[in-house]
C-alpha atoms as a PDB file:
ATOM      1  CA  MET A   1      85.412  -3.844 -66.752  1.00  0.00           C
ATOM      2  CA  ALA A   2      82.698  -4.079 -66.907  1.00  0.00           C
ATOM      3  CA  GLY A   3      83.159  -7.304 -68.852  1.00  0.00           C
ATOM      4  CA  CYS A   4      85.726  -8.908 -66.250  1.00  0.00           C
ATOM      5  CA  ALA A   5      83.038  -8.004 -63.828  1.00  0.00           C
ATOM      6  CA  ALA A   6      80.263  -9.977 -65.687  1.00  0.00           C
ATOM      7  CA  ILE A   7      82.562 -12.755 -66.470  1.00  0.00           C
ATOM      8  CA  THR A   8      83.257 -13.476 -62.718  1.00  0.00           C
ATOM      9  CA  LEU A   9      79.939 -13.367 -61.894  1.00  0.00           C
ATOM     10  CA  ILE A  10      78.751 -15.678 -64.723  1.00  0.00           C
ATOM     11  CA  ILE A  11      81.467 -18.182 -63.552  1.00  0.00           C
ATOM     12  CA  GLN A  12      79.398 -17.804 -60.007  1.00  0.00           C
ATOM     13  CA  LEU A  13      76.873 -20.178 -61.299  1.00  0.00           C
ATOM     14  CA  PRO A  14      76.443 -23.220 -59.832  1.00  0.00           C
ATOM     15  CA  VAL A  15      76.147 -24.599 -63.213  1.00  0.00           C
ATOM     16  CA  PHE A  16      79.831 -23.453 -63.688  1.00  0.00           C
ATOM     17  CA  ALA A  17      81.366 -25.366 -59.893  1.00  0.00           C
ATOM     18  CA  PRO A  18      83.301 -28.491 -60.132  1.00  0.00           C
ATOM     19  CA  GLN A  19      81.647 -32.209 -59.096  1.00  0.00           C
ATOM     20  CA  LYS A  20      82.537 -32.304 -55.188  1.00  0.00           C
ATOM     21  CA  ASN A  21      84.868 -35.487 -53.974  1.00  0.00           C
ATOM     22  CA  TYR A  22      82.142 -37.432 -52.411  1.00  0.00           C
ATOM     23  CA  SER A  23      80.540 -41.100 -53.652  1.00  0.00           C
ATOM     24  CA  GLU A  24      77.408 -42.660 -52.578  1.00  0.00           C
ATOM     25  CA  ALA A  25      78.823 -46.208 -52.761  1.00  0.00           C
ATOM     26  CA  ASP A  26      79.828 -48.436 -50.355  1.00  0.00           C
ATOM     27  CA  PRO A  27      83.718 -47.584 -50.475  1.00  0.00           C
ATOM     28  CA  VAL A  28      84.663 -52.171 -50.804  1.00  0.00           C
ATOM     29  CA  TYR A  29      88.216 -50.766 -51.782  1.00  0.00           C
ATOM     30  CA  ASP A  30      89.210 -49.112 -49.119  1.00  0.00           C
ATOM     31  CA  ILE A  31      92.875 -49.643 -47.698  1.00  0.00           C
ATOM     32  CA  ALA A  32      91.422 -51.434 -44.537  1.00  0.00           C
ATOM     33  CA  LYS A  33      88.763 -53.513 -46.550  1.00  0.00           C
ATOM     34  CA  VAL A  34      92.587 -55.502 -47.452  1.00  0.00           C
ATOM     35  CA  TYR A  35      95.781 -54.329 -45.169  1.00  0.00           C
ATOM     36  CA  GLU A  36      96.234 -54.092 -41.485  1.00  0.00           C
ATOM     37  CA  VAL A  37      94.726 -50.265 -40.568  1.00  0.00           C
ATOM     38  CA  PRO A  38      95.068 -49.991 -36.581  1.00  0.00           C
ATOM     39  CA  MET A  39      92.502 -47.519 -35.294  1.00  0.00           C
ATOM     40  CA  ASP A  40      94.813 -45.014 -34.365  1.00  0.00           C
ATOM     41  CA  VAL A  41      96.347 -44.607 -37.805  1.00  0.00           C
ATOM     42  CA  GLN A  42      93.014 -45.137 -39.358  1.00  0.00           C
ATOM     43  CA  MET A  43      92.131 -42.032 -37.721  1.00  0.00           C
ATOM     44  CA  GLU A  44      95.107 -40.089 -38.618  1.00  0.00           C
ATOM     45  CA  LEU A  45      94.723 -41.141 -42.926  1.00  0.00           C
ATOM     46  CA  TYR A  46      91.103 -39.724 -42.059  1.00  0.00           C
ATOM     47  CA  ASN A  47      92.017 -36.989 -40.703  1.00  0.00           C
ATOM     48  CA  SER A  48      95.071 -35.618 -42.336  1.00  0.00           C
ATOM     49  CA  CYS A  49      94.733 -37.566 -45.705  1.00  0.00           C
ATOM     50  CA  TYR A  50      91.489 -38.763 -46.947  1.00  0.00           C
ATOM     51  CA  ASP A  51      89.939 -35.560 -47.973  1.00  0.00           C
ATOM     52  CA  CYS A  52      92.448 -35.535 -50.649  1.00  0.00           C
ATOM     53  CA  HIS A  53      93.626 -38.710 -51.259  1.00  0.00           C
ATOM     54  CA  SER A  54      90.194 -40.480 -51.200  1.00  0.00           C
ATOM     55  CA  ASN A  55      86.646 -40.819 -52.808  1.00  0.00           C
ATOM     56  CA  TYR A  56      85.151 -39.101 -50.128  1.00  0.00           C
ATOM     57  CA  THR A  57      85.921 -35.158 -48.638  1.00  0.00           C
ATOM     58  CA  LYS A  58      84.037 -34.555 -45.626  1.00  0.00           C
ATOM     59  CA  GLU A  59      84.069 -31.001 -45.741  1.00  0.00           C
ATOM     60  CA  TYR A  60      84.445 -28.275 -48.194  1.00  0.00           C
ATOM     61  CA  PRO A  61      85.088 -24.745 -46.701  1.00  0.00           C
ATOM     62  CA  TRP A  62      82.768 -21.687 -47.178  1.00  0.00           C
ATOM     63  CA  TYR A  63      85.761 -20.545 -50.222  1.00  0.00           C
ATOM     64  CA  TYR A  64      85.335 -23.493 -51.918  1.00  0.00           C
ATOM     65  CA  HIS A  65      82.144 -21.930 -53.523  1.00  0.00           C
ATOM     66  CA  ILE A  66      84.044 -18.901 -55.430  1.00  0.00           C
ATOM     67  CA  GLN A  67      85.015 -19.860 -58.648  1.00  0.00           C
ATOM     68  CA  PRO A  68      88.153 -20.196 -59.843  1.00  0.00           C
ATOM     69  CA  ILE A  69      88.915 -21.188 -56.176  1.00  0.00           C
ATOM     70  CA  SER A  70      86.288 -24.081 -56.503  1.00  0.00           C
ATOM     71  CA  TRP A  71      88.209 -25.332 -60.068  1.00  0.00           C
ATOM     72  CA  TRP A  72      91.768 -25.044 -58.451  1.00  0.00           C
ATOM     73  CA  MET A  73      90.785 -27.451 -55.566  1.00  0.00           C
ATOM     74  CA  ALA A  74      89.059 -29.660 -57.259  1.00  0.00           C
ATOM     75  CA  ARG A  75      92.218 -30.589 -59.787  1.00  0.00           C
ATOM     76  CA  HIS A  76      94.262 -30.550 -56.580  1.00  0.00           C
ATOM     77  CA  VAL A  77      92.163 -33.359 -55.453  1.00  0.00           C
ATOM     78  CA  ASN A  78      91.965 -34.721 -58.488  1.00  0.00           C
ATOM     79  CA  GLN A  79      95.532 -34.908 -58.698  1.00  0.00           C
ATOM     80  CA  ALA A  80      96.228 -36.198 -55.335  1.00  0.00           C
ATOM     81  CA  LYS A  81      93.924 -39.391 -55.676  1.00  0.00           C
ATOM     82  CA  ALA A  82      95.790 -39.998 -59.499  1.00  0.00           C
ATOM     83  CA  LYS A  83      98.817 -40.554 -57.213  1.00  0.00           C
ATOM     84  CA  LEU A  84      97.164 -42.479 -54.007  1.00  0.00           C
ATOM     85  CA  ASN A  85      93.392 -42.982 -52.904  1.00  0.00           C
ATOM     86  CA  PHE A  86      93.077 -44.987 -49.905  1.00  0.00           C
ATOM     87  CA  SER A  87      89.219 -45.385 -51.278  1.00  0.00           C
ATOM     88  CA  GLU A  88      90.767 -47.301 -53.826  1.00  0.00           C
ATOM     89  CA  PHE A  89      93.802 -48.361 -52.336  1.00  0.00           C
ATOM     90  CA  ALA A  90      92.469 -52.461 -52.106  1.00  0.00           C
ATOM     91  CA  SER A  91      92.386 -52.661 -55.895  1.00  0.00           C
ATOM     92  CA  TYR A  92      96.251 -51.355 -56.662  1.00  0.00           C
ATOM     93  CA  SER A  93      97.921 -54.935 -57.410  1.00  0.00           C
ATOM     94  CA  PRO A  94     100.485 -56.364 -54.664  1.00  0.00           C
ATOM     95  CA  GLU A  95     103.641 -54.174 -56.725  1.00  0.00           C
ATOM     96  CA  GLU A  96     101.700 -50.969 -56.656  1.00  0.00           C
ATOM     97  CA  ALA A  97     100.541 -50.909 -53.302  1.00  0.00           C
ATOM     98  CA  ALA A  98     104.468 -51.869 -52.049  1.00  0.00           C
ATOM     99  CA  LYS A  99     105.284 -48.722 -53.906  1.00  0.00           C
ATOM    100  CA  LYS A 100     102.524 -46.885 -52.520  1.00  0.00           C
ATOM    101  CA  PHE A 101     103.485 -47.669 -49.037  1.00  0.00           C
ATOM    102  CA  ASN A 102     107.238 -46.854 -49.697  1.00  0.00           C
ATOM    103  CA  ASP A 103     105.728 -43.475 -51.075  1.00  0.00           C
ATOM    104  CA  ILE A 104     104.049 -42.705 -47.912  1.00  0.00           C
ATOM    105  CA  GLN A 105     107.363 -44.291 -45.640  1.00  0.00           C
ATOM    106  CA  ASP A 106     108.868 -41.245 -47.443  1.00  0.00           C
ATOM    107  CA  VAL A 107     106.616 -38.695 -47.255  1.00  0.00           C
ATOM    108  CA  MET A 108     106.266 -39.322 -43.515  1.00  0.00           C
ATOM    109  CA  GLU A 109     109.725 -39.465 -42.536  1.00  0.00           C
ATOM    110  CA  GLU A 110     109.751 -36.008 -44.404  1.00  0.00           C
ATOM    111  CA  LYS A 111     107.033 -33.995 -43.207  1.00  0.00           C
ATOM    112  CA  ALA A 112     105.577 -33.341 -46.658  1.00  0.00           C
ATOM    113  CA  MET A 113     101.778 -34.076 -46.219  1.00  0.00           C
ATOM    114  CA  PRO A 114      99.616 -32.859 -45.776  1.00  0.00           C
ATOM    115  CA  ILE A 115     100.896 -29.885 -47.599  1.00  0.00           C
ATOM    116  CA  LYS A 116     101.203 -26.540 -45.871  1.00  0.00           C
ATOM    117  CA  PRO A 117      98.523 -24.734 -47.818  1.00  0.00           C
ATOM    118  CA  TYR A 118      96.512 -26.642 -46.810  1.00  0.00           C
ATOM    119  CA  LEU A 119      97.073 -26.876 -43.143  1.00  0.00           C
ATOM    120  CA  LEU A 120      96.790 -22.985 -42.823  1.00  0.00           C
ATOM    121  CA  MET A 121      92.944 -23.878 -42.785  1.00  0.00           C
ATOM    122  CA  HIS A 122      92.796 -27.689 -41.117  1.00  0.00           C
ATOM    123  CA  ASP A 123      94.211 -27.323 -38.324  1.00  0.00           C
ATOM    124  CA  GLU A 124      92.871 -30.024 -37.487  1.00  0.00           C
ATOM    125  CA  ALA A 125      95.277 -32.125 -40.164  1.00  0.00           C
ATOM    126  CA  ARG A 126      98.145 -31.559 -38.396  1.00  0.00           C
ATOM    127  CA  LEU A 127     100.515 -34.314 -37.592  1.00  0.00           C
ATOM    128  CA  THR A 128     102.727 -34.702 -34.424  1.00  0.00           C
ATOM    129  CA  ASP A 129     106.154 -36.136 -34.819  1.00  0.00           C
ATOM    130  CA  ASP A 130     104.764 -39.228 -32.936  1.00  0.00           C
ATOM    131  CA  GLU A 131     102.109 -39.340 -35.144  1.00  0.00           C
ATOM    132  CA  TYR A 132     104.661 -38.959 -38.496  1.00  0.00           C
ATOM    133  CA  LYS A 133     106.848 -41.766 -37.183  1.00  0.00           C
ATOM    134  CA  GLY A 134     103.819 -44.221 -36.110  1.00  0.00           C
ATOM    135  CA  LEU A 135     102.238 -43.865 -39.663  1.00  0.00           C
ATOM    136  CA  ALA A 136     106.059 -44.035 -41.266  1.00  0.00           C
ATOM    137  CA  GLU A 137     106.586 -47.191 -39.304  1.00  0.00           C
ATOM    138  CA  TRP A 138     103.035 -48.755 -40.445  1.00  0.00           C
ATOM    139  CA  ALA A 139     103.643 -47.977 -44.101  1.00  0.00           C
ATOM    140  CA  THR A 140     107.330 -49.648 -43.676  1.00  0.00           C
ATOM    141  CA  HIS A 141     105.214 -52.666 -41.860  1.00  0.00           C
ATOM    142  CA  LEU A 142     102.923 -53.178 -44.907  1.00  0.00           C
ATOM    143  CA  HIS A 143     105.681 -52.516 -47.659  1.00  0.00           C
ATOM    144  CA  ASP A 144     107.553 -54.999 -46.298  1.00  0.00           C
ATOM    145  CA  LYS A 145     104.675 -57.703 -45.383  1.00  0.00           C
ATOM    146  CA  ILE A 146     103.791 -57.515 -49.148  1.00  0.00           C
ATOM    147  CA  MET A 147     107.460 -57.110 -50.544  1.00  0.00           C
ATOM    148  CA  ALA A 148     108.207 -61.239 -48.441  1.00  0.00           C
ATOM    149  CA  LYS A 149     104.924 -62.181 -49.408  1.00  0.00           C
ATOM    150  CA  GLN A 150     106.368 -61.918 -53.387  1.00  0.00           C
ATOM    151  CA  ASP A 151     109.330 -63.497 -52.614  1.00  0.00           C
ATOM    152  CA  SER A 152     108.171 -66.429 -50.914  1.00  0.00           C
ATOM    153  CA  MET A 153     105.841 -66.139 -53.807  1.00  0.00           C
ATOM    154  CA  GLN A 154     108.471 -66.094 -56.837  1.00  0.00           C
ATOM    155  CA  LYS A 155     110.571 -69.246 -54.648  1.00  0.00           C
ATOM    156  CA  LYS A 156     107.740 -71.658 -55.513  1.00  0.00           C
END
């Protein structure tokens, strides 16, 4: 019992904390640098998606400083960014970007994001039905625009 308590206390030391998801670098590859992102869409993405799907988690909750919770959260963010990273979106090839926009459309239509555990502590990230619909339509529009451009380039 004392051994478990000692290990629990030791892993609380800052040296064992994972690196936070924040970059000082200028967001040169952010999605808005290459694609049309209306201000309302940008704000919805920022409020509901960027904490996990960008290089800029804006705020960490108090419980982030408890191990192993911080390890779980860091792993979750890294997995989310591996699937879709709005801070790196401009570096995606047109084919990859079209696929990502199609995935965004699907997720918004299914209302699968933000995930429920995140919403428990981040009420501000909740999207309305109209916001889900708007994000899905925006993603569909950009997907179709990329595909039309790819088709016209192949015909040349």
